[in-house]
């Protein structure tokens, strides 16, 4: 991400993890349409999530919540 980008690395993760509001997600998707490099990063993270789910099943999210004291996987 560049300094002047309207989105941060945290926004990328929020998008990939489905933690963005509908309006913010739409804005981010418009941004991705104009930024193929970042769109490629997003796709790589999505593939990584799919691989992790395949390896660990649905228990991955539950395990992360338990390790974070019952909060979200990111510890929010």
Protein backbone atom coordinates (compact mmCIF):
# COMPACT_ATOMS: atom_id res chain seq x y z
CA UNK A 1 0.00 0.00 0.00
CA UNK A 2 1.16 3.51 -0.76
CA UNK A 3 1.09 6.39 1.69
CA UNK A 4 -1.59 8.22 -0.27
CA UNK A 5 -3.88 5.19 -0.75
CA UNK A 6 -7.28 5.69 0.91
CA UNK A 7 -7.05 2.19 2.42
CA UNK A 8 -4.58 0.52 4.75
CA UNK A 9 -3.20 -2.99 5.12
CA UNK A 10 -5.73 -3.46 7.93
CA UNK A 11 -8.49 -2.65 5.43
CA UNK A 12 -7.17 -5.38 3.12
CA UNK A 13 -7.40 -7.91 5.94
CA UNK A 14 -10.83 -6.67 7.02
CA UNK A 15 -12.06 -7.08 3.44
CA UNK A 16 -10.61 -10.57 3.01
CA UNK A 17 -11.97 -11.65 6.41
CA UNK A 18 -15.43 -10.21 5.72
CA UNK A 19 -15.27 -7.59 8.46
CA UNK A 20 -16.05 -4.49 6.37
CA UNK A 21 -19.34 -2.64 6.31
CA UNK A 22 -21.26 -2.88 3.05
CA UNK A 23 -20.50 0.73 2.10
CA UNK A 24 -16.79 0.46 2.92
CA UNK A 25 -16.60 -2.86 1.03
CA UNK A 26 -18.13 -1.24 -2.07
CA UNK A 27 -15.63 1.62 -1.87
CA UNK A 28 -12.80 -0.87 -1.45
CA UNK A 29 -13.96 -2.95 -4.42
CA UNK A 30 -14.01 0.18 -6.59
CA UNK A 31 -10.46 0.90 -5.39
CA UNK A 32 -9.44 -2.67 -6.31
CA UNK A 33 -10.80 -2.25 -9.84
CA UNK A 34 -8.31 0.58 -10.34
CA UNK A 35 -5.39 -1.07 -8.50
CA UNK A 36 -4.55 -4.45 -9.97
CA UNK A 37 -1.48 -4.92 -7.77
CA UNK A 38 -3.50 -4.66 -4.58
CA UNK A 39 -6.26 -6.76 -6.12
CA UNK A 40 -3.62 -9.46 -6.63
CA UNK A 41 -2.63 -9.24 -2.96
CA UNK A 42 -6.29 -9.58 -1.96
CA UNK A 43 -6.66 -12.68 -4.13
CA UNK A 44 -3.51 -14.19 -2.62
CA UNK A 45 -4.87 -13.64 0.90
CA UNK A 46 -8.20 -15.20 -0.12
CA UNK A 47 -6.38 -18.27 -1.44
CA UNK A 48 -4.37 -18.44 1.76
CA UNK A 49 -7.58 -18.36 3.82
CA UNK A 50 -9.04 -21.16 1.69
CA UNK A 51 -5.94 -23.28 2.21
CA UNK A 52 -6.02 -22.70 5.96
CA UNK A 53 -9.70 -23.65 6.11
CA UNK A 54 -8.96 -26.78 4.11
CA UNK A 55 -6.17 -27.73 6.51
CA UNK A 56 -7.88 -26.86 9.77
CA UNK A 57 -11.58 -26.85 8.90
CA UNK A 58 -13.98 -24.52 10.67
CA UNK A 59 -12.11 -25.02 13.93
CA UNK A 60 -9.47 -22.48 12.97
CA UNK A 61 -11.66 -19.47 13.77
CA UNK A 62 -12.89 -21.03 17.00
CA UNK A 63 -9.34 -21.85 18.08
CA UNK A 64 -8.22 -18.25 17.44
CA UNK A 65 -11.16 -16.88 19.44
CA UNK A 66 -10.36 -19.12 22.38
CA UNK A 67 -6.69 -18.11 22.33
CA UNK A 68 -7.73 -14.43 22.28
CA UNK A 69 -9.99 -14.74 25.30
CA UNK A 70 -13.21 -15.24 23.37
CA UNK A 71 -12.91 -12.22 21.09
CA UNK A 72 -12.74 -12.18 17.32
CA UNK A 73 -9.88 -13.99 15.56
CA UNK A 74 -8.01 -10.69 15.31
CA UNK A 75 -8.45 -9.97 18.99
CA UNK A 76 -10.75 -7.01 18.33
